[in-house]
Amino acid sequence: MKSPIILFYMLVLSISNIYSQKLNEEFDLVKDKEAVNHSYKMETLVFTYALDGKIINREKYILLIDVIPLNVNETEYVCKNFEIVLGDSIYLTVPAIRNFSYKYDRTGINPDEKGQLFGIDHARFENLKDEKENPFDPAKSYFIYNSFIDFHSLVDVFAADMKEENGIEDLRKIGDNIIHTSAFSEPPVNLGSSVKEGSIFKNGKVTLALTGLSIVDEEACAIVHYDSGESSFNMIMEPMPDFSVSTVGSSHYFGDILVSLNSKWILKADLKEFVVSEVNMPSLNSKINNVIERQLSLIMFK
């Protein structure tokens, strides 16, 4: 008869072998993606720092969006609501984009002939106002628009099948890592009349890595870490006629996406970004330095 100590170690060894086999399995994070309607809530905190390190402004952008798969390549998105929280107590809504719907076809050209990404109509973000008809300044309008770009970057870039390019489908085992096809890309960031053509964001060496497994709401999922590398941008704005503002700067964003091993949709994700920029206003012979931190969280609900 084996002693209790030997039986205990045999049990530990057996459990260890089971976990080792599971962690060495191969996964497919894109095949047979479930065609089920669902929704996401995305919150983005934006902190602006003074050069002495103090936070001088904080804002929160809240997007509620429905996802309606139409076929293997096409999805309809519906913005159910968009809220902005200024400081800790001022709540604003954006009526013009409530129930705003659009379709994204992954087989099409991105950006399209108008320079629009993910099928998002730029005209929707012209002259945005809050529920009291107060206009948003160009910077806030751009942050609203950029919330949609952030959302699609997670759902339709990092968590999507890139077909014959380098994408999440190439992460098969824990420990795998790739240079993503979006590395060193230069997507346009122009928007309507306020952010001019020629404005671009330059991605750095974007990488993806399958770092482990987790559970979200009792559902097994893969943890995929992404990192933008050293990124930069150049934006040309005209907030009012004959008054131009150019902004150059650096960006580093990174985070984790948790992809369901069953449905292949993101269940949860986060993003952190640090931005350092210089704003140049030639007509005023003035330059302003900005330091911004962004913290984003994305959660699925059904």
C-alpha atoms as a PDB file:
ATOM      1  CA  MET A   1       0.000   0.000   0.000  1.00  0.00           C
ATOM      2  CA  LYS A   2       1.396   3.386  -1.013  1.00  0.00           C
ATOM      3  CA  SER A   3       1.852   5.991   1.690  1.00  0.00           C
ATOM      4  CA  PRO A   4      -0.383   9.135   1.729  1.00  0.00           C
ATOM      5  CA  ILE A   5       2.646  11.272   0.790  1.00  0.00           C
ATOM      6  CA  ILE A   6       3.355   9.169  -2.330  1.00  0.00           C
ATOM      7  CA  LEU A   7      -0.335   9.241  -3.313  1.00  0.00           C
ATOM      8  CA  PHE A   8      -0.367  13.024  -2.883  1.00  0.00           C
ATOM      9  CA  TYR A   9       2.658  13.503  -5.137  1.00  0.00           C
ATOM     10  CA  MET A  10       1.170  11.126  -7.726  1.00  0.00           C
ATOM     11  CA  LEU A  11      -1.999  13.262  -7.731  1.00  0.00           C
ATOM     12  CA  VAL A  12       0.015  16.480  -8.101  1.00  0.00           C
ATOM     13  CA  LEU A  13       2.017  14.938 -10.961  1.00  0.00           C
ATOM     14  CA  SER A  14      -1.177  13.792 -12.700  1.00  0.00           C
ATOM     15  CA  ILE A  15      -2.739  17.269 -12.447  1.00  0.00           C
ATOM     16  CA  SER A  16       0.515  18.834 -13.647  1.00  0.00           C
ATOM     17  CA  ASN A  17       0.531  16.562 -16.714  1.00  0.00           C
ATOM     18  CA  ILE A  18      -3.080  17.477 -17.527  1.00  0.00           C
ATOM     19  CA  TYR A  19      -2.297  21.204 -17.359  1.00  0.00           C
ATOM     20  CA  SER A  20       0.906  20.725 -19.342  1.00  0.00           C
ATOM     21  CA  GLN A  21      -0.995  18.965 -22.128  1.00  0.00           C
ATOM     22  CA  LYS A  22      -3.629  21.725 -22.176  1.00  0.00           C
ATOM     23  CA  LEU A  23      -1.032  24.496 -22.301  1.00  0.00           C
ATOM     24  CA  ASN A  24       0.756  22.772 -25.172  1.00  0.00           C
ATOM     25  CA  GLU A  25      -2.382  22.406 -27.298  1.00  0.00           C
ATOM     26  CA  GLU A  26      -2.720  24.145 -30.630  1.00  0.00           C
ATOM     27  CA  PHE A  27      -5.478  26.739 -30.931  1.00  0.00           C
ATOM     28  CA  ASP A  28      -7.308  28.316 -33.849  1.00  0.00           C
ATOM     29  CA  LEU A  29      -8.478  31.785 -32.863  1.00  0.00           C
ATOM     30  CA  VAL A  30     -10.385  32.623 -36.073  1.00  0.00           C
ATOM     31  CA  LYS A  31     -11.884  29.453 -37.591  1.00  0.00           C
ATOM     32  CA  ASP A  32     -15.692  29.085 -37.501  1.00  0.00           C
ATOM     33  CA  LYS A  33     -16.268  32.468 -35.903  1.00  0.00           C
ATOM     34  CA  GLU A  34     -19.750  32.418 -34.420  1.00  0.00           C
ATOM     35  CA  ALA A  35     -22.335  34.506 -36.312  1.00  0.00           C
ATOM     36  CA  VAL A  36     -24.150  35.783 -33.243  1.00  0.00           C
ATOM     37  CA  ASN A  37     -25.394  39.289 -32.486  1.00  0.00           C
ATOM     38  CA  HIS A  38     -23.822  40.885 -29.446  1.00  0.00           C
ATOM     39  CA  SER A  39     -22.816  44.256 -28.006  1.00  0.00           C
ATOM     40  CA  TYR A  40     -19.802  45.977 -26.509  1.00  0.00           C
ATOM     41  CA  LYS A  41     -19.258  48.720 -23.994  1.00  0.00           C
ATOM     42  CA  MET A  42     -16.023  50.630 -24.443  1.00  0.00           C
ATOM     43  CA  GLU A  43     -14.762  53.223 -21.970  1.00  0.00           C
ATOM     44  CA  THR A  44     -11.750  55.412 -22.660  1.00  0.00           C
ATOM     45  CA  LEU A  45     -10.205  57.547 -19.935  1.00  0.00           C
ATOM     46  CA  VAL A  46      -8.058  60.432 -21.189  1.00  0.00           C
ATOM     47  CA  PHE A  47      -5.638  62.153 -18.814  1.00  0.00           C
ATOM     48  CA  THR A  48      -3.747  65.311 -19.781  1.00  0.00           C
ATOM     49  CA  TYR A  49      -0.590  66.040 -17.798  1.00  0.00           C
ATOM     50  CA  ALA A  50       1.254  69.263 -17.114  1.00  0.00           C
ATOM     51  CA  LEU A  51       4.990  69.113 -17.681  1.00  0.00           C
ATOM     52  CA  ASP A  52       5.485  68.892 -13.897  1.00  0.00           C
ATOM     53  CA  GLY A  53       3.524  65.607 -13.890  1.00  0.00           C
ATOM     54  CA  LYS A  54       0.218  66.889 -12.481  1.00  0.00           C
ATOM     55  CA  ILE A  55      -3.046  65.821 -14.097  1.00  0.00           C
ATOM     56  CA  ILE A  56      -4.704  68.995 -15.420  1.00  0.00           C
ATOM     57  CA  ASN A  57      -7.647  67.446 -17.251  1.00  0.00           C
ATOM     58  CA  ARG A  58      -9.538  64.151 -17.281  1.00  0.00           C
ATOM     59  CA  GLU A  59     -12.284  62.964 -19.584  1.00  0.00           C
ATOM     60  CA  LYS A  60     -14.134  59.727 -20.236  1.00  0.00           C
ATOM     61  CA  TYR A  61     -15.626  58.589 -23.546  1.00  0.00           C
ATOM     62  CA  ILE A  62     -18.236  55.813 -23.413  1.00  0.00           C
ATOM     63  CA  LEU A  63     -19.336  53.933 -26.536  1.00  0.00           C
ATOM     64  CA  LEU A  64     -22.160  51.370 -26.645  1.00  0.00           C
ATOM     65  CA  ILE A  65     -22.163  49.488 -29.947  1.00  0.00           C
ATOM     66  CA  ASP A  66     -24.078  46.532 -31.379  1.00  0.00           C
ATOM     67  CA  VAL A  67     -22.388  43.958 -33.609  1.00  0.00           C
ATOM     68  CA  ILE A  68     -24.537  42.223 -36.250  1.00  0.00           C
ATOM     69  CA  PRO A  69     -22.654  39.667 -38.399  1.00  0.00           C
ATOM     70  CA  LEU A  70     -24.220  39.540 -41.870  1.00  0.00           C
ATOM     71  CA  ASN A  71     -21.964  36.943 -43.473  1.00  0.00           C
ATOM     72  CA  VAL A  72     -18.392  35.653 -43.251  1.00  0.00           C
ATOM     73  CA  ASN A  73     -16.885  38.959 -44.420  1.00  0.00           C
ATOM     74  CA  GLU A  74     -19.468  41.636 -43.669  1.00  0.00           C
ATOM     75  CA  THR A  75     -20.660  43.017 -40.343  1.00  0.00           C
ATOM     76  CA  GLU A  76     -23.114  45.769 -39.471  1.00  0.00           C
ATOM     77  CA  TYR A  77     -22.332  48.015 -36.510  1.00  0.00           C
ATOM     78  CA  VAL A  78     -24.858  50.206 -34.684  1.00  0.00           C
ATOM     79  CA  CYS A  79     -23.807  52.898 -32.211  1.00  0.00           C
ATOM     80  CA  LYS A  80     -26.526  52.711 -29.571  1.00  0.00           C
ATOM     81  CA  ASN A  81     -25.219  55.593 -27.489  1.00  0.00           C
ATOM     82  CA  PHE A  82     -22.184  57.768 -26.876  1.00  0.00           C
ATOM     83  CA  GLU A  83     -21.494  59.663 -23.655  1.00  0.00           C
ATOM     84  CA  ILE A  84     -18.726  61.968 -22.517  1.00  0.00           C
ATOM     85  CA  VAL A  85     -17.858  62.678 -18.894  1.00  0.00           C
ATOM     86  CA  LEU A  86     -15.831  65.834 -18.273  1.00  0.00           C
ATOM     87  CA  GLY A  87     -14.025  65.849 -14.941  1.00  0.00           C
ATOM     88  CA  ASP A  88     -16.160  63.939 -12.450  1.00  0.00           C
ATOM     89  CA  SER A  89     -19.580  65.489 -12.872  1.00  0.00           C
ATOM     90  CA  ILE A  90     -20.377  66.855 -16.353  1.00  0.00           C
ATOM     91  CA  TYR A  91     -22.209  64.298 -18.500  1.00  0.00           C
ATOM     92  CA  LEU A  92     -22.801  64.926 -22.202  1.00  0.00           C
ATOM     93  CA  THR A  93     -24.352  62.849 -24.968  1.00  0.00           C
ATOM     94  CA  VAL A  94     -23.857  62.965 -28.750  1.00  0.00           C
ATOM     95  CA  PRO A  95     -27.326  62.703 -30.350  1.00  0.00           C
ATOM     96  CA  ALA A  96     -26.041  62.826 -33.953  1.00  0.00           C
ATOM     97  CA  ILE A  97     -24.417  59.413 -33.700  1.00  0.00           C
ATOM     98  CA  ARG A  98     -27.060  57.664 -31.594  1.00  0.00           C
ATOM     99  CA  ASN A  99     -28.297  54.687 -33.650  1.00  0.00           C
ATOM    100  CA  PHE A 100     -25.701  55.509 -36.319  1.00  0.00           C
ATOM    101  CA  SER A 101     -25.245  52.304 -38.344  1.00  0.00           C
ATOM    102  CA  TYR A 102     -22.697  51.313 -40.969  1.00  0.00           C
ATOM    103  CA  LYS A 103     -21.339  48.179 -42.602  1.00  0.00           C
ATOM    104  CA  TYR A 104     -17.764  47.001 -42.830  1.00  0.00           C
ATOM    105  CA  ASP A 105     -16.856  44.606 -45.633  1.00  0.00           C
ATOM    106  CA  ARG A 106     -13.477  42.965 -45.008  1.00  0.00           C
ATOM    107  CA  THR A 107     -13.074  42.120 -48.676  1.00  0.00           C
ATOM    108  CA  GLY A 108     -13.211  45.799 -49.674  1.00  0.00           C
ATOM    109  CA  ILE A 109     -10.484  48.429 -49.739  1.00  0.00           C
ATOM    110  CA  ASN A 110      -9.600  49.912 -46.360  1.00  0.00           C
ATOM    111  CA  PRO A 111      -9.369  52.903 -46.438  1.00  0.00           C
ATOM    112  CA  ASP A 112     -11.954  53.498 -49.167  1.00  0.00           C
ATOM    113  CA  GLU A 113     -11.736  55.993 -52.035  1.00  0.00           C
ATOM    114  CA  LYS A 114     -12.714  58.800 -49.625  1.00  0.00           C
ATOM    115  CA  GLY A 115      -9.969  57.886 -47.184  1.00  0.00           C
ATOM    116  CA  GLN A 116     -12.520  56.488 -44.716  1.00  0.00           C
ATOM    117  CA  LEU A 117     -11.589  53.550 -42.488  1.00  0.00           C
ATOM    118  CA  PHE A 118     -13.854  50.596 -41.574  1.00  0.00           C
ATOM    119  CA  GLY A 119     -16.816  51.978 -43.540  1.00  0.00           C
ATOM    120  CA  ILE A 120     -17.240  54.890 -41.103  1.00  0.00           C
ATOM    121  CA  ASP A 121     -18.818  57.914 -42.769  1.00  0.00           C
ATOM    122  CA  HIS A 122     -16.769  61.001 -41.865  1.00  0.00           C
ATOM    123  CA  ALA A 123     -19.738  63.283 -42.507  1.00  0.00           C
ATOM    124  CA  ARG A 124     -21.388  61.961 -39.335  1.00  0.00           C
ATOM    125  CA  PHE A 125     -18.692  63.645 -37.265  1.00  0.00           C
ATOM    126  CA  GLU A 126     -18.965  67.105 -38.834  1.00  0.00           C
ATOM    127  CA  ASN A 127     -20.314  69.855 -36.573  1.00  0.00           C
ATOM    128  CA  LEU A 128     -21.098  67.533 -33.663  1.00  0.00           C
ATOM    129  CA  LYS A 129     -23.168  68.990 -30.820  1.00  0.00           C
ATOM    130  CA  ASP A 130     -24.247  67.786 -27.399  1.00  0.00           C
ATOM    131  CA  GLU A 131     -27.859  67.267 -26.336  1.00  0.00           C
ATOM    132  CA  LYS A 132     -28.176  71.007 -25.556  1.00  0.00           C
ATOM    133  CA  GLU A 133     -27.003  71.986 -29.049  1.00  0.00           C
ATOM    134  CA  ASN A 134     -23.596  73.151 -27.779  1.00  0.00           C
ATOM    135  CA  PRO A 135     -20.945  72.407 -30.433  1.00  0.00           C
ATOM    136  CA  PHE A 136     -17.963  70.202 -29.628  1.00  0.00           C
ATOM    137  CA  ASP A 137     -14.583  71.656 -30.439  1.00  0.00           C
ATOM    138  CA  PRO A 138     -12.566  69.851 -33.160  1.00  0.00           C
ATOM    139  CA  ALA A 139     -10.370  68.048 -30.635  1.00  0.00           C
ATOM    140  CA  LYS A 140     -13.356  66.480 -28.843  1.00  0.00           C
ATOM    141  CA  SER A 141     -15.031  65.626 -32.142  1.00  0.00           C
ATOM    142  CA  TYR A 142     -11.868  63.819 -33.130  1.00  0.00           C
ATOM    143  CA  PHE A 143     -11.732  61.920 -29.823  1.00  0.00           C
ATOM    144  CA  ILE A 144     -15.326  60.800 -30.452  1.00  0.00           C
ATOM    145  CA  TYR A 145     -14.444  59.583 -33.943  1.00  0.00           C
ATOM    146  CA  ASN A 146     -11.233  57.962 -32.711  1.00  0.00           C
ATOM    147  CA  SER A 147     -13.248  55.841 -30.259  1.00  0.00           C
ATOM    148  CA  PHE A 148     -14.652  54.006 -33.273  1.00  0.00           C
ATOM    149  CA  ILE A 149     -11.155  53.590 -34.745  1.00  0.00           C
ATOM    150  CA  ASP A 150      -9.915  52.138 -31.444  1.00  0.00           C
ATOM    151  CA  PHE A 151     -12.862  49.739 -31.341  1.00  0.00           C
ATOM    152  CA  HIS A 152     -12.285  48.453 -34.867  1.00  0.00           C
ATOM    153  CA  SER A 153      -8.533  48.231 -34.382  1.00  0.00           C
ATOM    154  CA  LEU A 154      -9.173  45.715 -31.617  1.00  0.00           C
ATOM    155  CA  VAL A 155     -12.111  43.824 -33.159  1.00  0.00           C
ATOM    156  CA  ASP A 156     -11.373  44.036 -36.901  1.00  0.00           C
ATOM    157  CA  VAL A 157      -7.576  44.224 -36.968  1.00  0.00           C
ATOM    158  CA  PHE A 158      -5.890  42.544 -34.012  1.00  0.00           C
ATOM    159  CA  ALA A 159      -8.621  39.929 -33.423  1.00  0.00           C
ATOM    160  CA  ALA A 160      -9.494  39.338 -37.085  1.00  0.00           C
ATOM    161  CA  ASP A 161      -8.253  36.849 -39.664  1.00  0.00           C
ATOM    162  CA  MET A 162      -5.718  38.642 -41.874  1.00  0.00           C
ATOM    163  CA  LYS A 163      -6.001  35.802 -44.434  1.00  0.00           C
ATOM    164  CA  GLU A 164      -2.591  35.439 -46.089  1.00  0.00           C
ATOM    165  CA  GLU A 165      -0.984  38.219 -44.051  1.00  0.00           C
ATOM    166  CA  ASN A 166       0.473  37.993 -40.547  1.00  0.00           C
ATOM    167  CA  GLY A 167      -2.416  38.000 -38.099  1.00  0.00           C
ATOM    168  CA  ILE A 168      -3.904  36.413 -35.011  1.00  0.00           C
ATOM    169  CA  GLU A 169      -4.561  33.222 -37.013  1.00  0.00           C
ATOM    170  CA  ASP A 170      -0.789  32.583 -36.927  1.00  0.00           C
ATOM    171  CA  LEU A 171      -0.782  32.345 -33.127  1.00  0.00           C
ATOM    172  CA  ARG A 172      -1.284  28.619 -32.577  1.00  0.00           C
ATOM    173  CA  LYS A 173       0.438  27.798 -29.294  1.00  0.00           C
ATOM    174  CA  ILE A 174       1.161  29.649 -26.083  1.00  0.00           C
ATOM    175  CA  GLY A 175       4.432  31.469 -26.556  1.00  0.00           C
ATOM    176  CA  ASP A 176       3.916  32.143 -30.273  1.00  0.00           C
ATOM    177  CA  ASN A 177       4.524  35.725 -31.375  1.00  0.00           C
ATOM    178  CA  ILE A 178       4.416  37.525 -34.709  1.00  0.00           C
ATOM    179  CA  ILE A 179       5.054  40.879 -36.315  1.00  0.00           C
ATOM    180  CA  HIS A 180       1.513  41.901 -37.303  1.00  0.00           C
ATOM    181  CA  THR A 181       0.659  42.938 -40.852  1.00  0.00           C
ATOM    182  CA  SER A 182      -0.211  46.430 -39.551  1.00  0.00           C
ATOM    183  CA  ALA A 183       3.418  46.989 -38.511  1.00  0.00           C
ATOM    184  CA  PHE A 184       4.920  50.137 -40.031  1.00  0.00           C
ATOM    185  CA  SER A 185       1.613  50.981 -41.742  1.00  0.00           C
ATOM    186  CA  GLU A 186       0.536  54.609 -42.184  1.00  0.00           C
ATOM    187  CA  PRO A 187      -3.267  54.854 -41.900  1.00  0.00           C
ATOM    188  CA  PRO A 188      -4.787  58.263 -42.632  1.00  0.00           C
ATOM    189  CA  VAL A 189      -6.256  60.165 -39.686  1.00  0.00           C
ATOM    190  CA  ASN A 190      -7.940  63.002 -41.570  1.00  0.00           C
ATOM    191  CA  LEU A 191     -11.514  63.778 -40.607  1.00  0.00           C
ATOM    192  CA  GLY A 192     -13.856  66.097 -42.455  1.00  0.00           C
ATOM    193  CA  SER A 193     -12.965  69.768 -42.672  1.00  0.00           C
ATOM    194  CA  SER A 194     -11.173  70.031 -39.320  1.00  0.00           C
ATOM    195  CA  VAL A 195      -8.387  67.432 -39.707  1.00  0.00           C
ATOM    196  CA  LYS A 196      -6.849  67.846 -43.129  1.00  0.00           C
ATOM    197  CA  GLU A 197      -5.708  65.265 -45.668  1.00  0.00           C
ATOM    198  CA  GLY A 198      -2.051  64.403 -45.251  1.00  0.00           C
ATOM    199  CA  SER A 199      -2.568  63.743 -41.554  1.00  0.00           C
ATOM    200  CA  ILE A 200      -1.205  60.276 -40.790  1.00  0.00           C
ATOM    201  CA  PHE A 201      -0.417  57.883 -37.977  1.00  0.00           C
ATOM    202  CA  LYS A 202       2.708  55.752 -38.395  1.00  0.00           C
ATOM    203  CA  ASN A 203       2.602  52.439 -36.584  1.00  0.00           C
ATOM    204  CA  GLY A 204       5.827  51.054 -35.234  1.00  0.00           C
ATOM    205  CA  LYS A 205       6.792  47.389 -35.103  1.00  0.00           C
ATOM    206  CA  VAL A 206       3.372  46.039 -34.126  1.00  0.00           C
ATOM    207  CA  THR A 207       3.613  42.623 -32.476  1.00  0.00           C
ATOM    208  CA  LEU A 208       1.084  40.051 -31.252  1.00  0.00           C
ATOM    209  CA  ALA A 209       1.815  37.247 -28.787  1.00  0.00           C
ATOM    210  CA  LEU A 210      -0.294  34.401 -27.421  1.00  0.00           C
ATOM    211  CA  THR A 211       0.620  34.641 -23.751  1.00  0.00           C
ATOM    212  CA  GLY A 212      -1.818  32.328 -21.971  1.00  0.00           C
ATOM    213  CA  LEU A 213      -5.350  31.201 -21.201  1.00  0.00           C
ATOM    214  CA  SER A 214      -8.005  32.680 -18.955  1.00  0.00           C
ATOM    215  CA  ILE A 215     -11.730  32.576 -18.164  1.00  0.00           C
ATOM    216  CA  VAL A 216     -14.242  35.391 -18.676  1.00  0.00           C
ATOM    217  CA  ASP A 217     -17.816  34.815 -17.467  1.00  0.00           C
ATOM    218  CA  GLU A 218     -17.158  31.048 -17.261  1.00  0.00           C
ATOM    219  CA  GLU A 219     -15.937  31.001 -20.877  1.00  0.00           C
ATOM    220  CA  ALA A 220     -12.417  29.845 -21.778  1.00  0.00           C
ATOM    221  CA  CYS A 221     -10.395  32.361 -23.749  1.00  0.00           C
ATOM    222  CA  ALA A 222      -6.924  33.012 -25.122  1.00  0.00           C
ATOM    223  CA  ILE A 223      -4.890  35.988 -23.922  1.00  0.00           C
ATOM    224  CA  VAL A 224      -3.295  37.844 -26.822  1.00  0.00           C
ATOM    225  CA  HIS A 225      -0.905  40.691 -26.042  1.00  0.00           C
ATOM    226  CA  TYR A 226      -0.316  43.407 -28.625  1.00  0.00           C
ATOM    227  CA  ASP A 227       2.254  46.205 -28.706  1.00  0.00           C
ATOM    228  CA  SER A 228       2.540  49.049 -31.212  1.00  0.00           C
ATOM    229  CA  GLY A 229       6.253  49.640 -30.858  1.00  0.00           C
ATOM    230  CA  GLU A 230       7.527  53.171 -31.475  1.00  0.00           C
ATOM    231  CA  SER A 231       4.688  54.926 -33.287  1.00  0.00           C
ATOM    232  CA  SER A 232       4.317  58.547 -34.387  1.00  0.00           C
ATOM    233  CA  PHE A 233       1.799  60.900 -35.956  1.00  0.00           C
ATOM    234  CA  ASN A 234       1.409  64.170 -37.804  1.00  0.00           C
ATOM    235  CA  MET A 235      -1.941  65.964 -37.731  1.00  0.00           C
ATOM    236  CA  ILE A 236      -2.905  69.107 -39.615  1.00  0.00           C
ATOM    237  CA  MET A 237      -5.974  70.824 -38.182  1.00  0.00           C
ATOM    238  CA  GLU A 238      -7.942  73.903 -39.155  1.00  0.00           C
ATOM    239  CA  PRO A 239     -10.270  74.600 -36.217  1.00  0.00           C
ATOM    240  CA  MET A 240     -11.421  77.833 -37.874  1.00  0.00           C
ATOM    241  CA  PRO A 241     -10.907  79.447 -41.283  1.00  0.00           C
ATOM    242  CA  ASP A 242      -7.356  80.678 -41.947  1.00  0.00           C
ATOM    243  CA  PHE A 243      -6.123  79.294 -38.620  1.00  0.00           C
ATOM    244  CA  SER A 244      -4.008  76.154 -38.928  1.00  0.00           C
ATOM    245  CA  VAL A 245      -2.552  73.970 -36.191  1.00  0.00           C
ATOM    246  CA  SER A 246      -0.031  71.195 -36.796  1.00  0.00           C
ATOM    247  CA  THR A 247       0.700  68.535 -34.215  1.00  0.00           C
ATOM    248  CA  VAL A 248       3.564  66.055 -34.295  1.00  0.00           C
ATOM    249  CA  GLY A 249       4.299  63.482 -31.656  1.00  0.00           C
ATOM    250  CA  SER A 250       5.027  59.954 -30.548  1.00  0.00           C
ATOM    251  CA  SER A 251       2.685  57.225 -29.375  1.00  0.00           C
ATOM    252  CA  HIS A 252       3.126  53.885 -27.660  1.00  0.00           C
ATOM    253  CA  TYR A 253       0.033  51.746 -27.163  1.00  0.00           C
ATOM    254  CA  PHE A 254      -0.285  48.186 -25.907  1.00  0.00           C
ATOM    255  CA  GLY A 255      -2.681  45.845 -24.142  1.00  0.00           C
ATOM    256  CA  ASP A 256      -4.368  42.452 -24.040  1.00  0.00           C
ATOM    257  CA  ILE A 257      -7.341  41.018 -25.878  1.00  0.00           C
ATOM    258  CA  LEU A 258      -9.152  37.978 -24.490  1.00  0.00           C
ATOM    259  CA  VAL A 259     -10.605  35.931 -27.341  1.00  0.00           C
ATOM    260  CA  SER A 260     -13.245  33.274 -26.724  1.00  0.00           C
ATOM    261  CA  LEU A 261     -12.038  29.796 -27.719  1.00  0.00           C
ATOM    262  CA  ASN A 262     -15.657  29.031 -28.578  1.00  0.00           C
ATOM    263  CA  SER A 263     -17.149  32.036 -30.431  1.00  0.00           C
ATOM    264  CA  LYS A 264     -13.762  33.567 -31.493  1.00  0.00           C
ATOM    265  CA  TRP A 265     -15.049  37.049 -30.536  1.00  0.00           C
ATOM    266  CA  ILE A 266     -13.304  39.348 -28.075  1.00  0.00           C
ATOM    267  CA  LEU A 267     -14.822  38.954 -24.619  1.00  0.00           C
ATOM    268  CA  LYS A 268     -12.680  41.592 -22.980  1.00  0.00           C
ATOM    269  CA  ALA A 269      -9.796  43.881 -23.937  1.00  0.00           C
ATOM    270  CA  ASP A 270      -7.755  46.773 -22.686  1.00  0.00           C
ATOM    271  CA  LEU A 271      -5.450  49.378 -24.151  1.00  0.00           C
ATOM    272  CA  LYS A 272      -2.979  51.800 -22.633  1.00  0.00           C
ATOM    273  CA  GLU A 273      -1.402  54.577 -24.662  1.00  0.00           C
ATOM    274  CA  PHE A 274       1.132  57.276 -23.872  1.00  0.00           C
ATOM    275  CA  VAL A 275       1.302  60.255 -26.219  1.00  0.00           C
ATOM    276  CA  VAL A 276       3.861  63.077 -26.234  1.00  0.00           C
ATOM    277  CA  SER A 277       3.254  65.850 -28.760  1.00  0.00           C
ATOM    278  CA  GLU A 278       4.135  69.358 -29.843  1.00  0.00           C
ATOM    279  CA  VAL A 279       1.394  71.663 -31.108  1.00  0.00           C
ATOM    280  CA  ASN A 280       2.574  74.356 -33.490  1.00  0.00           C
ATOM    281  CA  MET A 281       0.400  77.432 -34.236  1.00  0.00           C
ATOM    282  CA  PRO A 282       2.338  79.462 -36.820  1.00  0.00           C
ATOM    283  CA  SER A 283      -0.098  82.385 -36.903  1.00  0.00           C
ATOM    284  CA  LEU A 284       0.438  82.928 -33.174  1.00  0.00           C
ATOM    285  CA  ASN A 285       4.127  82.040 -33.308  1.00  0.00           C
ATOM    286  CA  SER A 286       3.420  79.608 -30.476  1.00  0.00           C
ATOM    287  CA  LYS A 287       4.245  76.015 -29.546  1.00  0.00           C
ATOM    288  CA  ILE A 288       2.587  73.896 -26.853  1.00  0.00           C
ATOM    289  CA  ASN A 289       3.785  70.557 -25.489  1.00  0.00           C
ATOM    290  CA  ASN A 290       1.240  67.938 -24.447  1.00  0.00           C
ATOM    291  CA  VAL A 291       1.512  64.679 -22.506  1.00  0.00           C
ATOM    292  CA  ILE A 292      -1.558  62.429 -22.639  1.00  0.00           C
ATOM    293  CA  GLU A 293      -2.335  58.999 -21.191  1.00  0.00           C
ATOM    294  CA  ARG A 294      -5.268  56.917 -22.402  1.00  0.00           C
ATOM    295  CA  GLN A 295      -6.761  53.899 -20.650  1.00  0.00           C
ATOM    296  CA  LEU A 296      -9.345  51.878 -22.564  1.00  0.00           C
ATOM    297  CA  SER A 297     -11.496  48.933 -21.533  1.00  0.00           C
ATOM    298  CA  LEU A 298     -13.759  46.891 -23.803  1.00  0.00           C
ATOM    299  CA  ILE A 299     -16.326  44.375 -22.529  1.00  0.00           C
ATOM    300  CA  MET A 300     -18.816  42.212 -24.430  1.00  0.00           C
ATOM    301  CA  PHE A 301     -22.378  41.790 -23.244  1.00  0.00           C
ATOM    302  CA  LYS A 302     -25.288  39.929 -24.819  1.00  0.00           C
END
